[in-house]
C-alpha atoms as a PDB file:
ATOM      1  CA  UNK A   1       2.195 -12.700 -14.409  1.00  0.00           C
ATOM      2  CA  UNK A   2       0.782  -9.843 -12.316  1.00  0.00           C
ATOM      3  CA  UNK A   3       2.912 -10.632  -9.276  1.00  0.00           C
ATOM      4  CA  UNK A   4       6.027 -10.840 -11.451  1.00  0.00           C
ATOM      5  CA  UNK A   5       5.245  -7.423 -12.919  1.00  0.00           C
ATOM      6  CA  UNK A   6       4.690  -5.956  -9.434  1.00  0.00           C
ATOM      7  CA  UNK A   7       8.004  -7.391  -8.240  1.00  0.00           C
ATOM      8  CA  UNK A   8       9.819  -5.940 -11.263  1.00  0.00           C
ATOM      9  CA  UNK A   9       8.201  -2.507 -10.982  1.00  0.00           C
ATOM     10  CA  UNK A  10       8.914  -2.199  -7.275  1.00  0.00           C
ATOM     11  CA  UNK A  11      12.479  -3.572  -7.681  1.00  0.00           C
ATOM     12  CA  UNK A  12      11.676  -6.429  -5.301  1.00  0.00           C
ATOM     13  CA  UNK A  13       9.737  -4.054  -3.022  1.00  0.00           C
ATOM     14  CA  UNK A  14      12.801  -1.845  -2.463  1.00  0.00           C
ATOM     15  CA  UNK A  15      11.882   1.195  -4.615  1.00  0.00           C
ATOM     16  CA  UNK A  16       8.187   1.190  -3.755  1.00  0.00           C
ATOM     17  CA  UNK A  17       7.720  -0.343  -0.322  1.00  0.00           C
ATOM     18  CA  UNK A  18       4.470   1.386   0.629  1.00  0.00           C
ATOM     19  CA  UNK A  19       1.158  -0.050  -0.617  1.00  0.00           C
ATOM     20  CA  UNK A  20      -0.369   3.442  -0.905  1.00  0.00           C
ATOM     21  CA  UNK A  21       2.420   4.567  -3.221  1.00  0.00           C
ATOM     22  CA  UNK A  22       2.022   1.405  -5.242  1.00  0.00           C
ATOM     23  CA  UNK A  23      -1.731   1.972  -5.489  1.00  0.00           C
ATOM     24  CA  UNK A  24      -1.074   5.478  -6.748  1.00  0.00           C
ATOM     25  CA  UNK A  25       1.409   4.184  -9.305  1.00  0.00           C
ATOM     26  CA  UNK A  26      -1.116   1.568 -10.479  1.00  0.00           C
ATOM     27  CA  UNK A  27      -3.848   4.218 -10.943  1.00  0.00           C
ATOM     28  CA  UNK A  28      -6.035   2.937  -8.095  1.00  0.00           C
ATOM     29  CA  UNK A  29      -5.999   5.986  -5.817  1.00  0.00           C
ATOM     30  CA  UNK A  30      -7.897   9.124  -6.923  1.00  0.00           C
ATOM     31  CA  UNK A  31      -6.814  12.604  -5.846  1.00  0.00           C
ATOM     32  CA  UNK A  32      -9.207  15.432  -5.162  1.00  0.00           C
ATOM     33  CA  UNK A  33      -8.545  18.557  -7.192  1.00  0.00           C
ATOM     34  CA  UNK A  34      -9.356  21.883  -5.630  1.00  0.00           C
ATOM     35  CA  UNK A  35      -8.637  25.389  -6.830  1.00  0.00           C
ATOM     36  CA  UNK A  36      -9.249  27.777  -3.962  1.00  0.00           C
ATOM     37  CA  UNK A  37     -12.992  27.615  -3.339  1.00  0.00           C
ATOM     38  CA  UNK A  38     -13.703  25.491  -6.412  1.00  0.00           C
ATOM     39  CA  UNK A  39     -13.614  21.710  -5.971  1.00  0.00           C
ATOM     40  CA  UNK A  40     -12.997  19.481  -8.960  1.00  0.00           C
ATOM     41  CA  UNK A  41     -13.782  15.860  -9.625  1.00  0.00           C
ATOM     42  CA  UNK A  42     -11.321  13.366  -8.061  1.00  0.00           C
ATOM     43  CA  UNK A  43      -8.971  12.004 -10.712  1.00  0.00           C
ATOM     44  CA  UNK A  44      -6.202   9.422 -10.797  1.00  0.00           C
ATOM     45  CA  UNK A  45      -2.627  10.446 -11.486  1.00  0.00           C
ATOM     46  CA  UNK A  46      -1.493  10.710 -15.107  1.00  0.00           C
ATOM     47  CA  UNK A  47       2.061   9.684 -14.172  1.00  0.00           C
ATOM     48  CA  UNK A  48       1.513   5.997 -13.706  1.00  0.00           C
ATOM     49  CA  UNK A  49       1.959   2.577 -15.225  1.00  0.00           C
ATOM     50  CA  UNK A  50      -0.922   1.619 -17.520  1.00  0.00           C
ATOM     51  CA  UNK A  51       0.300  -1.977 -17.945  1.00  0.00           C
ATOM     52  CA  UNK A  52       0.116  -2.753 -14.241  1.00  0.00           C
ATOM     53  CA  UNK A  53      -3.328  -1.130 -14.140  1.00  0.00           C
ATOM     54  CA  UNK A  54      -4.588  -3.400 -16.910  1.00  0.00           C
ATOM     55  CA  UNK A  55      -3.142  -6.497 -15.221  1.00  0.00           C
ATOM     56  CA  UNK A  56      -4.692  -5.547 -11.888  1.00  0.00           C
ATOM     57  CA  UNK A  57      -7.994  -4.832 -13.632  1.00  0.00           C
ATOM     58  CA  UNK A  58      -8.102  -8.373 -15.002  1.00  0.00           C
ATOM     59  CA  UNK A  59      -7.180  -9.703 -11.548  1.00  0.00           C
ATOM     60  CA  UNK A  60      -9.977  -7.648  -9.987  1.00  0.00           C
ATOM     61  CA  UNK A  61     -12.501  -9.007 -12.500  1.00  0.00           C
ATOM     62  CA  UNK A  62     -11.415 -12.531 -11.642  1.00  0.00           C
ATOM     63  CA  UNK A  63     -11.441 -11.840  -7.887  1.00  0.00           C
ATOM     64  CA  UNK A  64     -14.930 -10.372  -8.186  1.00  0.00           C
ATOM     65  CA  UNK A  65     -16.151 -13.748  -9.424  1.00  0.00           C
ATOM     66  CA  UNK A  66     -14.008 -16.222  -7.479  1.00  0.00           C
ATOM     67  CA  UNK A  67     -12.977 -14.635  -4.145  1.00  0.00           C
ATOM     68  CA  UNK A  68     -15.876 -14.878  -1.702  1.00  0.00           C
ATOM     69  CA  UNK A  69     -14.843 -11.871   0.377  1.00  0.00           C
ATOM     70  CA  UNK A  70     -14.258  -9.532  -2.565  1.00  0.00           C
ATOM     71  CA  UNK A  71     -17.403 -10.747  -4.327  1.00  0.00           C
ATOM     72  CA  UNK A  72     -19.483  -9.872  -1.253  1.00  0.00           C
ATOM     73  CA  UNK A  73     -17.759  -6.472  -1.047  1.00  0.00           C
ATOM     74  CA  UNK A  74     -18.430  -5.754  -4.727  1.00  0.00           C
ATOM     75  CA  UNK A  75     -22.090  -6.786  -4.542  1.00  0.00           C
ATOM     76  CA  UNK A  76     -22.655  -4.813  -1.319  1.00  0.00           C
ATOM     77  CA  UNK A  77     -21.177  -1.604  -2.720  1.00  0.00           C
ATOM     78  CA  UNK A  78     -22.974  -2.009  -6.060  1.00  0.00           C
ATOM     79  CA  UNK A  79     -26.256  -2.496  -4.173  1.00  0.00           C
ATOM     80  CA  UNK A  80     -25.573   0.763  -2.299  1.00  0.00           C
ATOM     81  CA  UNK A  81     -25.619   2.517  -5.666  1.00  0.00           C
ATOM     82  CA  UNK A  82     -21.879   3.028  -6.095  1.00  0.00           C
ATOM     83  CA  UNK A  83     -20.488   3.208  -9.613  1.00  0.00           C
ATOM     84  CA  UNK A  84     -19.347  -0.287 -10.609  1.00  0.00           C
ATOM     85  CA  UNK A  85     -16.007   0.936 -11.986  1.00  0.00           C
ATOM     86  CA  UNK A  86     -15.365   2.795  -8.724  1.00  0.00           C
ATOM     87  CA  UNK A  87     -15.993  -0.413  -6.780  1.00  0.00           C
ATOM     88  CA  UNK A  88     -13.754  -2.356  -9.174  1.00  0.00           C
ATOM     89  CA  UNK A  89     -11.051   0.265  -8.616  1.00  0.00           C
ATOM     90  CA  UNK A  90     -11.426  -0.331  -4.863  1.00  0.00           C
ATOM     91  CA  UNK A  91     -11.049  -4.077  -5.436  1.00  0.00           C
ATOM     92  CA  UNK A  92      -7.811  -3.405  -7.369  1.00  0.00           C
ATOM     93  CA  UNK A  93      -6.536  -1.371  -4.442  1.00  0.00           C
ATOM     94  CA  UNK A  94      -7.490  -4.149  -2.001  1.00  0.00           C
ATOM     95  CA  UNK A  95      -5.487  -6.618  -4.098  1.00  0.00           C
ATOM     96  CA  UNK A  96      -2.431  -4.351  -3.905  1.00  0.00           C
ATOM     97  CA  UNK A  97      -2.843  -4.056  -0.136  1.00  0.00           C
ATOM     98  CA  UNK A  98      -3.024  -7.850   0.154  1.00  0.00           C
ATOM     99  CA  UNK A  99       0.147  -8.323  -1.872  1.00  0.00           C
ATOM    100  CA  UNK A 100       2.060  -5.853   0.279  1.00  0.00           C
ATOM    101  CA  UNK A 101       0.675  -7.329   3.513  1.00  0.00           C
ATOM    102  CA  UNK A 102       1.917 -10.753   2.464  1.00  0.00           C
ATOM    103  CA  UNK A 103       5.342  -9.415   1.542  1.00  0.00           C
ATOM    104  CA  UNK A 104       5.729  -7.327   4.708  1.00  0.00           C
ATOM    105  CA  UNK A 105       4.692 -10.220   6.978  1.00  0.00           C
ATOM    106  CA  UNK A 106       6.554 -12.776   4.862  1.00  0.00           C
ATOM    107  CA  UNK A 107       3.478 -15.034   4.767  1.00  0.00           C
ATOM    108  CA  UNK A 108       1.279 -16.575   2.118  1.00  0.00           C
ATOM    109  CA  UNK A 109      -2.323 -15.421   1.857  1.00  0.00           C
ATOM    110  CA  UNK A 110      -4.576 -17.368   4.220  1.00  0.00           C
ATOM    111  CA  UNK A 111      -8.264 -17.203   3.331  1.00  0.00           C
ATOM    112  CA  UNK A 112      -9.290 -18.494   6.782  1.00  0.00           C
ATOM    113  CA  UNK A 113      -7.135 -16.036   8.753  1.00  0.00           C
ATOM    114  CA  UNK A 114      -8.881 -14.388  11.699  1.00  0.00           C
ATOM    115  CA  UNK A 115      -7.493 -11.268  13.328  1.00  0.00           C
ATOM    116  CA  UNK A 116      -7.344 -11.207  17.097  1.00  0.00           C
ATOM    117  CA  UNK A 117      -5.904  -8.686  19.530  1.00  0.00           C
ATOM    118  CA  UNK A 118      -5.051 -11.315  22.153  1.00  0.00           C
END
């Protein structure tokens, strides 16, 4: 259901073809507010799609339990003292990046993939 919604929102990855823009649209990327010398708290954009955020949130909760790599990431960051919702937001963003990487490379996700420069 989540992938279908992402495909529909991005118009088959034609309207939004950049994962950073998609992350912003799905409320995963905070922006720092500053007014001259005064710095505000980073906030997410108010012009975004709440439905895709809620779908990605449920996916992130599931990935936190079932995906070994993301579970280790979540536990490591939580142990460092990071806010758990902040870490979950990062997991949502990682999921978006994975979707776009698969689409751009035209490949399915491979859990055993190893990156090499050779």
